[in-house]
Amino acid sequence: MVVLFPIGGTVVFVGLYIIATFYYPGGSQHDPTSHGFSWAHNYWCNLLNEIAINGIYNPARPFALAAMLVLCISLAIFWYQFPIITSLYKPLRLLMQIAGSLSMITGFFLFTSQHDFMVNIASLFGLIATAITLFRMYQLKWTGLFRLGIFNAGLVLLNNILYYGNGLRAYLPVVQKITFLFFLCWICLSCIQLYREQEKKAGQPA
């Protein structure tokens, strides 16, 4: 049942995320003096800051940090379990487990002053783990999950285009949330498939 833990972790993450938005005092890239959390203009990382963009102490931070911790643990478990259950070749299995764990460890520290550096490091390790995941899904002919994973990769690419493109960053907060949604759905659906695979193996005669 450990393989289904990331699904529960995702539910907890989303719940804490939503709670945190109610406590965020205000301020965004669109309007630094605004009140409350804007789904159209605020980033997830804004909830992690000690001081909100409008200069007021951010009481949403404890909820956001708890959400981030739950998410990182959940994804680390996913990337540890996936190569074992799918019988991935040992060198790739170890690479995936190490890269996935390092991605989540560094990802948790997005709230620090080294935010951009942590994002880059976490993204690099996350890219490695995700690439191996997609490779194995392709080998196993998990076509639906593979295609959804590729779609997620496209969304991540779009995030980078909006982030580094001139005058495009205003659209990034919304695209970021859409990317989060599809990525978490992909993880949850993958966990269900892994559970079925595990049950299938358990039912086979020794």
Protein backbone atom coordinates (compact mmCIF):
# COMPACT_ATOMS: atom_id res chain seq x y z
CA MET A 1 0.00 0.00 0.00
CA VAL A 2 3.04 2.27 0.30
CA VAL A 3 2.85 2.74 -3.45
CA LEU A 4 -0.45 4.60 -2.99
CA PHE A 5 1.00 6.97 -0.38
CA PRO A 6 1.77 9.70 -2.96
CA ILE A 7 -1.96 9.88 -3.77
CA GLY A 8 -2.79 10.62 -0.14
CA GLY A 9 0.14 13.02 -0.01
CA THR A 10 -1.18 14.84 -3.06
CA VAL A 11 -4.60 15.27 -1.44
CA VAL A 12 -2.98 16.64 1.73
CA PHE A 13 -0.76 18.95 -0.33
CA VAL A 14 -3.70 20.39 -2.24
CA GLY A 15 -5.67 20.86 0.98
CA LEU A 16 -2.83 22.69 2.72
CA TYR A 17 -2.16 24.74 -0.43
CA ILE A 18 -5.76 25.95 -0.49
CA ILE A 19 -5.70 26.72 3.23
CA ALA A 20 -2.48 28.70 2.78
CA THR A 21 -4.08 30.88 0.10
CA PHE A 22 -6.68 32.09 2.60
CA TYR A 23 -3.94 33.30 4.96
CA TYR A 24 -1.72 35.03 2.40
CA PRO A 25 -1.91 38.79 3.20
CA GLY A 26 -1.37 40.06 -0.33
CA GLY A 27 0.91 41.40 -3.01
CA SER A 28 1.78 39.94 -6.41
CA GLN A 29 3.93 40.67 -9.45
CA HIS A 30 0.86 42.34 -10.97
CA ASP A 31 0.05 44.55 -7.98
CA PRO A 32 2.42 44.66 -4.96
CA THR A 33 -0.25 46.40 -2.87
CA SER A 34 -3.08 43.94 -3.54
CA HIS A 35 -4.87 42.10 -0.75
CA GLY A 36 -5.09 38.33 -0.48
CA PHE A 37 -3.89 35.57 -2.77
CA SER A 38 -4.61 35.94 -6.48
CA TRP A 39 -4.90 32.68 -8.43
CA ALA A 40 -4.19 34.67 -11.59
CA HIS A 41 -1.17 36.64 -10.39
CA ASN A 42 0.50 34.90 -7.43
CA TYR A 43 2.98 32.03 -7.60
CA TRP A 44 3.02 29.01 -5.31
CA CYS A 45 6.40 30.19 -4.00
CA ASN A 46 4.84 33.46 -2.78
CA LEU A 47 3.11 31.43 -0.07
CA LEU A 48 6.50 30.17 1.16
CA ASN A 49 7.98 33.61 1.82
CA GLU A 50 8.31 34.89 5.38
CA ILE A 51 7.23 38.36 4.26
CA ALA A 52 4.50 38.75 1.65
CA ILE A 53 5.07 40.93 -1.41
CA ASN A 54 3.00 43.72 0.15
CA GLY A 55 5.51 43.85 3.03
CA ILE A 56 3.30 42.22 5.67
CA TYR A 57 4.26 39.14 7.71
CA ASN A 58 3.00 36.04 5.91
CA PRO A 59 0.92 33.73 8.17
CA ALA A 60 0.36 31.38 5.22
CA ARG A 61 3.96 30.20 5.37
CA PRO A 62 3.58 27.36 7.94
CA PHE A 63 0.79 25.79 5.89
CA ALA A 64 2.77 26.20 2.66
CA LEU A 65 5.91 24.69 4.22
CA ALA A 66 3.91 21.74 5.55
CA ALA A 67 2.38 21.27 2.09
CA MET A 68 5.82 21.38 0.48
CA LEU A 69 7.21 18.83 2.94
CA VAL A 70 4.33 16.42 2.30
CA LEU A 71 4.69 16.83 -1.47
CA CYS A 72 8.46 16.26 -1.44
CA ILE A 73 8.16 13.12 0.70
CA SER A 74 5.35 11.81 -1.51
CA LEU A 75 7.29 12.30 -4.74
CA ALA A 76 10.48 10.86 -3.23
CA ILE A 77 8.49 7.72 -2.34
CA PHE A 78 7.09 7.56 -5.87
CA TRP A 79 10.51 7.72 -7.49
CA TYR A 80 11.89 5.18 -5.03
CA GLN A 81 9.05 2.69 -5.62
CA PHE A 82 8.58 3.09 -9.39
CA PRO A 83 11.82 1.46 -10.58
CA ILE A 84 11.44 -1.42 -8.10
CA ILE A 85 7.88 -2.33 -9.05
CA THR A 86 8.56 -1.97 -12.78
CA SER A 87 11.77 -4.06 -12.51
CA LEU A 88 13.93 -1.35 -14.02
CA TYR A 89 17.52 -2.22 -14.93
CA LYS A 90 19.59 -1.71 -11.75
CA PRO A 91 21.88 1.17 -12.86
CA LEU A 92 18.87 3.14 -14.10
CA ARG A 93 16.93 2.19 -10.98
CA LEU A 94 19.62 3.63 -8.73
CA LEU A 95 19.98 6.74 -10.90
CA MET A 96 16.23 7.34 -10.77
CA GLN A 97 16.04 6.83 -7.01
CA ILE A 98 19.00 9.11 -6.33
CA ALA A 99 17.91 11.82 -8.78
CA GLY A 100 14.32 11.75 -7.52
CA SER A 101 15.41 11.99 -3.89
CA LEU A 102 17.88 14.81 -4.55
CA SER A 103 15.26 16.69 -6.55
CA MET A 104 12.85 16.60 -3.61
CA ILE A 105 15.50 17.45 -1.01
CA THR A 106 16.62 20.54 -2.92
CA GLY A 107 13.05 21.37 -3.93
CA PHE A 108 11.98 21.66 -0.32
CA PHE A 109 14.38 24.58 0.15
CA LEU A 110 12.65 26.83 -2.37
CA PHE A 111 11.71 29.09 0.53
CA THR A 112 15.34 30.12 1.11
CA SER A 113 17.14 33.13 -0.32
CA GLN A 114 18.70 30.75 -2.88
CA HIS A 115 15.31 30.13 -4.51
CA ASP A 116 16.41 30.33 -8.16
CA PHE A 117 19.45 28.13 -7.55
CA MET A 118 17.34 25.53 -5.74
CA VAL A 119 14.78 25.58 -8.56
CA ASN A 120 17.50 24.92 -11.14
CA ILE A 121 19.08 22.07 -9.16
CA ALA A 122 15.73 20.48 -8.30
CA SER A 123 14.63 20.79 -11.93
CA LEU A 124 17.81 19.14 -13.20
CA PHE A 125 17.46 16.11 -10.92
CA GLY A 126 13.71 16.04 -11.52
CA LEU A 127 14.29 16.01 -15.27
CA ILE A 128 16.54 12.96 -14.93
CA ALA A 129 14.00 11.07 -12.80
CA THR A 130 11.12 12.02 -15.09
CA ALA A 131 13.02 11.07 -18.25
CA ILE A 132 13.73 7.60 -16.85
CA THR A 133 10.09 7.28 -15.78
CA LEU A 134 8.91 8.08 -19.31
CA PHE A 135 11.48 5.73 -20.81
CA ARG A 136 10.20 2.85 -18.66
CA MET A 137 6.56 3.69 -19.37
CA TYR A 138 7.36 3.58 -23.08
CA GLN A 139 9.03 0.19 -22.68
CA LEU A 140 6.04 -1.17 -20.74
CA LYS A 141 3.62 0.26 -23.33
CA TRP A 142 1.78 2.33 -20.73
CA THR A 143 0.70 4.52 -23.62
CA GLY A 144 -1.78 6.77 -21.81
CA LEU A 145 0.59 7.57 -18.96
CA PHE A 146 3.48 8.04 -21.37
CA ARG A 147 1.51 10.54 -23.46
CA LEU A 148 0.33 12.40 -20.38
CA GLY A 149 3.94 12.56 -19.18
CA ILE A 150 5.06 14.00 -22.51
CA PHE A 151 2.25 16.55 -22.29
CA ASN A 152 3.51 17.51 -18.82
CA ALA A 153 7.01 17.92 -20.21
CA GLY A 154 5.55 20.29 -22.80
CA LEU A 155 3.89 22.31 -20.04
CA VAL A 156 7.20 22.55 -18.18
CA LEU A 157 8.83 23.80 -21.38
CA LEU A 158 6.06 26.38 -21.72
CA ASN A 159 6.73 27.51 -18.13
CA ASN A 160 10.36 28.15 -19.03
CA ILE A 161 9.42 30.02 -22.20
CA LEU A 162 7.09 32.28 -20.23
CA TYR A 163 9.66 32.79 -17.46
CA TYR A 164 12.53 33.77 -19.72
CA GLY A 165 10.52 35.35 -22.55
CA ASN A 166 10.18 39.12 -22.72
CA GLY A 167 6.78 40.34 -21.56
CA LEU A 168 5.38 36.83 -21.13
CA ARG A 169 5.82 36.34 -17.38
CA ALA A 170 2.37 37.77 -16.62
CA TYR A 171 0.86 34.51 -17.89
CA LEU A 172 3.17 32.29 -15.84
CA PRO A 173 1.20 32.07 -12.55
CA VAL A 174 -1.83 30.55 -14.29
CA VAL A 175 0.26 28.18 -16.44
CA GLN A 176 2.22 27.16 -13.34
CA LYS A 177 -0.96 26.06 -11.57
CA ILE A 178 -2.21 24.17 -14.64
CA THR A 179 1.16 22.41 -14.82
CA PHE A 180 0.93 21.49 -11.13
CA LEU A 181 -2.54 20.04 -11.68
CA PHE A 182 -1.60 17.87 -14.66
CA PHE A 183 1.67 16.74 -13.06
CA LEU A 184 -0.03 15.65 -9.84
CA CYS A 185 -2.75 13.85 -11.81
CA TRP A 186 -0.01 12.05 -13.74
CA ILE A 187 1.70 10.99 -10.51
CA CYS A 188 -1.57 9.74 -8.98
CA LEU A 189 -2.55 7.79 -12.10
CA SER A 190 0.94 6.31 -12.22
CA CYS A 191 0.60 5.19 -8.59
CA ILE A 192 -2.67 3.43 -9.43
CA GLN A 193 -0.97 1.65 -12.33
CA LEU A 194 1.95 0.67 -10.08
CA TYR A 195 -0.49 -0.71 -7.51
CA ARG A 196 -2.18 -2.83 -10.18
CA GLU A 197 1.21 -4.05 -11.34
CA GLN A 198 2.15 -4.93 -7.78
CA GLU A 199 -1.11 -6.82 -7.24
CA LYS A 200 -0.62 -8.68 -10.51
CA LYS A 201 2.85 -9.84 -9.43
CA ALA A 202 1.56 -10.84 -5.99
CA GLY A 203 -1.10 -13.02 -7.62
CA GLN A 204 1.37 -14.93 -9.77
CA PRO A 205 2.45 -18.41 -8.57
CA ALA A 206 5.92 -18.59 -7.05
